[in-house]
Amino acid sequence: MKMESIPEESAARLRSLDARIAADGGDEEALIERGRLYWALGRRSEAIGDYLAARQINPSGKATQLLKATYEILNFYNKDLYNP
């Protein structure tokens, strides 16, 4: 997904978070926030990557819970729905 296809407000926030993370790669909160923004934009793999990076910084932090919830969502299977 190119930045042109992202709403300007989200693109501006991504640029801000990218700069913050580039300046301090150990900024757990910035990684989590960028991961949440990526998730909201449908960029699932990038969101998971940020959550994993944040978890490496603080294994008992919020990112661990976010990863658990993310994997639960991605692994959801409803036997009543058609799943080929």
N, C-alpha and C. Protein backbone atom coordinates (compact mmCIF):
# COMPACT_ATOMS: atom_id res chain seq x y z
N MET A 1 0.85 -1.17 0.00
CA MET A 1 0.00 0.00 0.00
C MET A 1 0.89 1.24 0.00
N LYS A 2 0.70 2.07 -0.99
CA LYS A 2 1.49 3.28 -1.10
C LYS A 2 0.93 4.36 -0.19
N MET A 3 1.77 5.31 0.18
CA MET A 3 1.35 6.40 1.04
C MET A 3 0.25 7.24 0.37
N GLU A 4 0.22 7.26 -0.98
CA GLU A 4 -0.78 8.05 -1.67
C GLU A 4 -2.19 7.51 -1.43
N SER A 5 -2.31 6.22 -1.17
CA SER A 5 -3.62 5.61 -0.98
C SER A 5 -4.07 5.64 0.48
N ILE A 6 -3.27 6.22 1.34
CA ILE A 6 -3.59 6.34 2.76
C ILE A 6 -4.12 7.75 3.00
N PRO A 7 -5.16 7.89 3.83
CA PRO A 7 -5.65 9.23 4.16
C PRO A 7 -4.50 10.11 4.70
N GLU A 8 -4.52 11.38 4.36
CA GLU A 8 -3.42 12.29 4.71
C GLU A 8 -3.12 12.31 6.20
N GLU A 9 -4.16 12.29 7.02
CA GLU A 9 -3.95 12.31 8.47
C GLU A 9 -3.17 11.08 8.93
N SER A 10 -3.52 9.92 8.39
CA SER A 10 -2.82 8.68 8.74
C SER A 10 -1.40 8.70 8.19
N ALA A 11 -1.23 9.19 6.98
CA ALA A 11 0.11 9.26 6.38
C ALA A 11 1.01 10.17 7.19
N ALA A 12 0.47 11.29 7.65
CA ALA A 12 1.26 12.22 8.47
C ALA A 12 1.64 11.56 9.80
N ARG A 13 0.70 10.83 10.38
CA ARG A 13 0.99 10.14 11.65
C ARG A 13 2.05 9.06 11.44
N LEU A 14 1.96 8.33 10.33
CA LEU A 14 2.97 7.31 10.02
C LEU A 14 4.35 7.93 9.86
N ARG A 15 4.44 9.06 9.14
CA ARG A 15 5.73 9.73 8.98
C ARG A 15 6.30 10.17 10.32
N SER A 16 5.44 10.67 11.18
CA SER A 16 5.88 11.09 12.51
C SER A 16 6.40 9.91 13.33
N LEU A 17 5.66 8.82 13.31
CA LEU A 17 6.08 7.62 14.05
C LEU A 17 7.33 7.01 13.45
N ASP A 18 7.45 7.00 12.12
CA ASP A 18 8.66 6.49 11.46
C ASP A 18 9.89 7.28 11.93
N ALA A 19 9.76 8.60 11.99
CA ALA A 19 10.88 9.45 12.43
C ALA A 19 11.22 9.19 13.89
N ARG A 20 10.18 9.03 14.71
CA ARG A 20 10.40 8.77 16.14
C ARG A 20 11.10 7.43 16.35
N ILE A 21 10.69 6.42 15.59
CA ILE A 21 11.31 5.09 15.72
C ILE A 21 12.72 5.10 15.15
N ALA A 22 12.94 5.83 14.06
CA ALA A 22 14.28 5.92 13.49
C ALA A 22 15.24 6.59 14.46
N ALA A 23 14.75 7.58 15.20
CA ALA A 23 15.59 8.28 16.17
C ALA A 23 15.86 7.42 17.40
N ASP A 24 14.88 6.61 17.79
CA ASP A 24 15.01 5.77 18.99
C ASP A 24 14.32 4.44 18.72
N GLY A 25 15.06 3.47 18.20
CA GLY A 25 14.51 2.17 17.86
C GLY A 25 13.94 1.42 19.05
N GLY A 26 14.24 1.86 20.25
CA GLY A 26 13.76 1.20 21.45
C GLY A 26 12.52 1.84 22.02
N ASP A 27 11.80 2.62 21.22
CA ASP A 27 10.59 3.30 21.67
C ASP A 27 9.40 2.35 21.54
N GLU A 28 9.15 1.63 22.61
CA GLU A 28 8.08 0.62 22.62
C GLU A 28 6.72 1.22 22.28
N GLU A 29 6.40 2.34 22.88
CA GLU A 29 5.09 2.96 22.66
C GLU A 29 4.90 3.39 21.21
N ALA A 30 5.95 3.91 20.58
CA ALA A 30 5.86 4.33 19.18
C ALA A 30 5.65 3.11 18.28
N LEU A 31 6.32 2.02 18.57
CA LEU A 31 6.15 0.79 17.79
C LEU A 31 4.72 0.26 17.93
N ILE A 32 4.20 0.28 19.14
CA ILE A 32 2.83 -0.19 19.36
C ILE A 32 1.84 0.72 18.65
N GLU A 33 2.03 2.02 18.76
CA GLU A 33 1.12 2.95 18.10
C GLU A 33 1.15 2.79 16.59
N ARG A 34 2.37 2.65 16.02
CA ARG A 34 2.47 2.46 14.59
C ARG A 34 1.85 1.12 14.18
N GLY A 35 2.03 0.09 15.00
CA GLY A 35 1.41 -1.20 14.73
C GLY A 35 -0.11 -1.10 14.71
N ARG A 36 -0.67 -0.38 15.64
CA ARG A 36 -2.13 -0.19 15.67
C ARG A 36 -2.61 0.57 14.44
N LEU A 37 -1.84 1.57 14.03
CA LEU A 37 -2.20 2.32 12.83
C LEU A 37 -2.13 1.44 11.59
N TYR A 38 -1.06 0.65 11.49
CA TYR A 38 -0.95 -0.29 10.38
C TYR A 38 -2.14 -1.26 10.36
N TRP A 39 -2.52 -1.77 11.53
CA TRP A 39 -3.64 -2.70 11.61
C TRP A 39 -4.92 -2.02 11.11
N ALA A 40 -5.15 -0.80 11.54
CA ALA A 40 -6.34 -0.06 11.11
C ALA A 40 -6.35 0.18 9.61
N LEU A 41 -5.17 0.28 9.01
CA LEU A 41 -5.06 0.50 7.57
C LEU A 41 -5.08 -0.80 6.77
N GLY A 42 -5.18 -1.93 7.47
CA GLY A 42 -5.23 -3.22 6.79
C GLY A 42 -3.86 -3.79 6.46
N ARG A 43 -2.82 -3.21 7.01
CA ARG A 43 -1.45 -3.68 6.75
C ARG A 43 -1.03 -4.61 7.89
N ARG A 44 -1.63 -5.80 7.88
CA ARG A 44 -1.50 -6.74 8.99
C ARG A 44 -0.06 -7.18 9.26
N SER A 45 0.69 -7.54 8.25
CA SER A 45 2.05 -8.05 8.48
C SER A 45 2.94 -6.97 9.07
N GLU A 46 2.77 -5.73 8.65
CA GLU A 46 3.58 -4.65 9.22
C GLU A 46 3.19 -4.39 10.67
N ALA A 47 1.91 -4.52 10.98
CA ALA A 47 1.45 -4.36 12.36
C ALA A 47 2.08 -5.43 13.24
N ILE A 48 2.04 -6.67 12.78
CA ILE A 48 2.62 -7.77 13.56
C ILE A 48 4.11 -7.56 13.75
N GLY A 49 4.79 -7.09 12.72
CA GLY A 49 6.23 -6.81 12.83
C GLY A 49 6.53 -5.78 13.90
N ASP A 50 5.72 -4.73 13.96
CA ASP A 50 5.92 -3.72 15.00
C ASP A 50 5.61 -4.28 16.39
N TYR A 51 4.55 -5.09 16.51
CA TYR A 51 4.24 -5.70 17.80
C TYR A 51 5.37 -6.61 18.27
N LEU A 52 5.94 -7.37 17.33
CA LEU A 52 7.05 -8.26 17.69
C LEU A 52 8.27 -7.46 18.14
N ALA A 53 8.56 -6.36 17.44
CA ALA A 53 9.70 -5.52 17.82
C ALA A 53 9.47 -4.91 19.21
N ALA A 54 8.25 -4.48 19.48
CA ALA A 54 7.93 -3.91 20.79
C ALA A 54 8.03 -4.98 21.88
N ARG A 55 7.62 -6.20 21.57
CA ARG A 55 7.70 -7.29 22.55
C ARG A 55 9.15 -7.62 22.88
N GLN A 56 10.05 -7.50 21.91
CA GLN A 56 11.47 -7.74 22.20
C GLN A 56 12.00 -6.72 23.19
N ILE A 57 11.49 -5.51 23.13
CA ILE A 57 11.92 -4.46 24.06
C ILE A 57 11.39 -4.72 25.46
N ASN A 58 10.10 -5.12 25.54
CA ASN A 58 9.47 -5.36 26.84
C ASN A 58 8.56 -6.59 26.72
N PRO A 59 9.09 -7.77 27.03
CA PRO A 59 8.32 -9.01 26.87
C PRO A 59 7.03 -9.08 27.69
N SER A 60 6.94 -8.34 28.76
CA SER A 60 5.72 -8.38 29.58
C SER A 60 4.83 -7.17 29.34
N GLY A 61 5.09 -6.43 28.28
CA GLY A 61 4.34 -5.22 27.99
C GLY A 61 3.07 -5.46 27.19
N LYS A 62 2.50 -4.35 26.75
CA LYS A 62 1.25 -4.33 26.02
C LYS A 62 1.32 -5.07 24.68
N ALA A 63 2.49 -5.09 24.07
CA ALA A 63 2.64 -5.72 22.76
C ALA A 63 2.35 -7.22 22.82
N THR A 64 2.66 -7.86 23.93
CA THR A 64 2.39 -9.29 24.08
C THR A 64 0.89 -9.55 24.03
N GLN A 65 0.11 -8.70 24.69
CA GLN A 65 -1.34 -8.83 24.65
C GLN A 65 -1.89 -8.55 23.26
N LEU A 66 -1.32 -7.55 22.59
CA LEU A 66 -1.76 -7.22 21.24
C LEU A 66 -1.47 -8.36 20.27
N LEU A 67 -0.31 -8.98 20.41
CA LEU A 67 0.02 -10.13 19.56
C LEU A 67 -0.95 -11.28 19.79
N LYS A 68 -1.27 -11.55 21.04
CA LYS A 68 -2.20 -12.63 21.35
C LYS A 68 -3.55 -12.35 20.71
N ALA A 69 -4.05 -11.13 20.85
CA ALA A 69 -5.34 -10.77 20.25
C ALA A 69 -5.28 -10.84 18.73
N THR A 70 -4.17 -10.39 18.16
CA THR A 70 -4.00 -10.42 16.71
C THR A 70 -4.04 -11.85 16.18
N TYR A 71 -3.31 -12.73 16.82
CA TYR A 71 -3.29 -14.13 16.38
C TYR A 71 -4.65 -14.80 16.57
N GLU A 72 -5.38 -14.43 17.61
CA GLU A 72 -6.72 -14.97 17.81
C GLU A 72 -7.64 -14.54 16.67
N ILE A 73 -7.53 -13.28 16.27
CA ILE A 73 -8.34 -12.78 15.16
C ILE A 73 -7.97 -13.49 13.87
N LEU A 74 -6.68 -13.59 13.60
CA LEU A 74 -6.24 -14.21 12.35
C LEU A 74 -6.54 -15.71 12.29
N ASN A 75 -6.57 -16.36 13.44
CA ASN A 75 -6.80 -17.80 13.47
C ASN A 75 -8.26 -18.18 13.69
N PHE A 76 -9.14 -17.18 13.71
CA PHE A 76 -10.55 -17.45 13.95
C PHE A 76 -11.11 -18.35 12.85
N TYR A 77 -11.84 -19.32 13.27
CA TYR A 77 -12.49 -20.25 12.34
C TYR A 77 -13.89 -20.51 12.86
N ASN A 78 -14.87 -20.24 12.03
CA ASN A 78 -16.24 -20.52 12.40
C ASN A 78 -16.72 -21.70 11.57
N LYS A 79 -16.94 -22.83 12.20
CA LYS A 79 -17.31 -24.04 11.48
C LYS A 79 -18.66 -23.91 10.79
N ASP A 80 -19.47 -22.94 11.19
CA ASP A 80 -20.77 -22.74 10.57
C ASP A 80 -20.69 -21.96 9.27
N LEU A 81 -19.57 -21.33 9.02
CA LEU A 81 -19.38 -20.59 7.78
C LEU A 81 -18.68 -21.47 6.76
N TYR A 82 -18.88 -21.18 5.50
CA TYR A 82 -18.23 -21.95 4.45
C TYR A 82 -16.75 -21.60 4.42
N ASN A 83 -15.91 -22.56 4.69
CA ASN A 83 -14.47 -22.40 4.67
C ASN A 83 -13.88 -23.52 3.82
N PRO A 84 -13.60 -23.25 2.57
CA PRO A 84 -13.08 -24.33 1.70
C PRO A 84 -11.72 -24.82 2.11
